[in-house]
N, C-alpha and C. Protein backbone atom coordinates (compact mmCIF):
# COMPACT_ATOMS: atom_id res chain seq x y z
N MET A 1 -14.27 1.48 11.05
CA MET A 1 -13.19 0.90 11.82
C MET A 1 -12.29 2.02 12.33
N ASN A 2 -11.83 1.92 13.52
CA ASN A 2 -10.93 2.90 14.11
C ASN A 2 -9.48 2.50 13.84
N TRP A 3 -9.06 2.76 12.61
CA TRP A 3 -7.72 2.36 12.17
C TRP A 3 -6.63 2.92 13.07
N HIS A 4 -6.81 4.12 13.57
CA HIS A 4 -5.79 4.76 14.39
C HIS A 4 -5.56 4.05 15.72
N LEU A 5 -6.47 3.18 16.10
CA LEU A 5 -6.33 2.45 17.36
C LEU A 5 -5.65 1.09 17.19
N LEU A 6 -5.48 0.64 15.94
CA LEU A 6 -4.91 -0.68 15.68
C LEU A 6 -3.39 -0.64 15.61
N PRO A 7 -2.75 -1.73 16.01
CA PRO A 7 -1.29 -1.83 15.83
C PRO A 7 -0.96 -1.87 14.33
N LEU A 8 0.19 -1.32 13.96
CA LEU A 8 0.58 -1.29 12.56
C LEU A 8 0.62 -2.68 11.93
N THR A 9 1.04 -3.67 12.68
CA THR A 9 1.09 -5.03 12.13
C THR A 9 -0.30 -5.53 11.75
N GLU A 10 -1.29 -5.20 12.54
CA GLU A 10 -2.66 -5.62 12.25
C GLU A 10 -3.22 -4.88 11.03
N ILE A 11 -2.92 -3.59 10.93
CA ILE A 11 -3.36 -2.81 9.77
C ILE A 11 -2.74 -3.38 8.50
N ALA A 12 -1.46 -3.66 8.54
CA ALA A 12 -0.77 -4.23 7.37
C ALA A 12 -1.40 -5.56 6.98
N GLN A 13 -1.73 -6.38 7.94
CA GLN A 13 -2.35 -7.68 7.66
C GLN A 13 -3.74 -7.49 7.04
N LEU A 14 -4.52 -6.57 7.57
CA LEU A 14 -5.86 -6.33 7.03
C LEU A 14 -5.82 -5.80 5.60
N LEU A 15 -4.77 -5.06 5.27
CA LEU A 15 -4.64 -4.48 3.93
C LEU A 15 -3.78 -5.34 3.00
N ASN A 16 -3.43 -6.53 3.46
CA ASN A 16 -2.57 -7.43 2.69
C ASN A 16 -1.29 -6.72 2.26
N SER A 17 -0.65 -6.06 3.21
CA SER A 17 0.56 -5.30 2.96
C SER A 17 1.58 -5.64 4.04
N SER A 18 2.65 -4.85 4.08
CA SER A 18 3.64 -5.01 5.13
C SER A 18 4.27 -3.66 5.43
N SER A 19 5.07 -3.61 6.47
CA SER A 19 5.73 -2.36 6.82
C SER A 19 6.80 -2.00 5.80
N LYS A 20 7.17 -2.96 4.96
CA LYS A 20 8.18 -2.73 3.92
C LYS A 20 7.57 -2.12 2.66
N GLY A 21 6.26 -2.06 2.59
CA GLY A 21 5.61 -1.51 1.40
C GLY A 21 5.33 -2.58 0.37
N LEU A 22 5.13 -2.15 -0.87
CA LEU A 22 4.80 -3.08 -1.95
C LEU A 22 6.02 -3.83 -2.42
N ASP A 23 5.82 -5.09 -2.81
CA ASP A 23 6.91 -5.80 -3.45
C ASP A 23 6.96 -5.36 -4.91
N SER A 24 8.04 -5.65 -5.60
CA SER A 24 8.23 -5.14 -6.96
C SER A 24 7.20 -5.68 -7.94
N ILE A 25 6.74 -6.90 -7.74
CA ILE A 25 5.73 -7.48 -8.64
C ILE A 25 4.41 -6.74 -8.50
N THR A 26 3.96 -6.53 -7.27
CA THR A 26 2.71 -5.82 -7.03
C THR A 26 2.81 -4.38 -7.53
N ALA A 27 3.95 -3.74 -7.28
CA ALA A 27 4.14 -2.36 -7.75
C ALA A 27 4.05 -2.29 -9.27
N SER A 28 4.65 -3.24 -9.96
CA SER A 28 4.61 -3.26 -11.43
C SER A 28 3.19 -3.48 -11.93
N GLU A 29 2.45 -4.38 -11.29
CA GLU A 29 1.06 -4.64 -11.69
C GLU A 29 0.20 -3.40 -11.51
N LEU A 30 0.36 -2.71 -10.38
CA LEU A 30 -0.43 -1.50 -10.12
C LEU A 30 -0.05 -0.38 -11.09
N LEU A 31 1.23 -0.28 -11.42
CA LEU A 31 1.67 0.73 -12.38
C LEU A 31 1.03 0.48 -13.74
N LEU A 32 1.00 -0.77 -14.16
CA LEU A 32 0.37 -1.10 -15.44
C LEU A 32 -1.14 -0.82 -15.42
N GLU A 33 -1.77 -1.12 -14.29
CA GLU A 33 -3.22 -0.95 -14.20
C GLU A 33 -3.64 0.51 -14.07
N TYR A 34 -2.91 1.29 -13.26
CA TYR A 34 -3.34 2.65 -12.95
C TYR A 34 -2.46 3.75 -13.53
N GLY A 35 -1.26 3.41 -13.98
CA GLY A 35 -0.34 4.41 -14.50
C GLY A 35 0.37 5.14 -13.40
N LYS A 36 1.23 6.09 -13.79
CA LYS A 36 2.01 6.85 -12.82
C LYS A 36 1.15 7.95 -12.20
N HIS A 37 1.41 8.21 -10.96
CA HIS A 37 0.79 9.32 -10.26
C HIS A 37 1.85 10.41 -10.15
N ILE A 38 1.65 11.49 -10.84
CA ILE A 38 2.63 12.55 -10.85
C ILE A 38 2.12 13.70 -9.97
N LYS A 39 2.90 14.03 -8.97
CA LYS A 39 2.54 15.13 -8.09
C LYS A 39 3.10 16.42 -8.67
N ARG A 40 2.26 17.40 -8.80
CA ARG A 40 2.71 18.69 -9.32
C ARG A 40 2.52 19.74 -8.24
N ASN A 41 3.48 20.64 -8.17
CA ASN A 41 3.43 21.72 -7.17
C ASN A 41 2.61 22.87 -7.65
């Protein structure tokens, strides 16, 4: 799929997301499932 050619609203819909990002419930569930991602320099 040529994601770069799609409008942001369509991409968000395809990914079951929004331009606002994750809601707090989804963020909490993902944190429990995958843990924290720590970026190190």
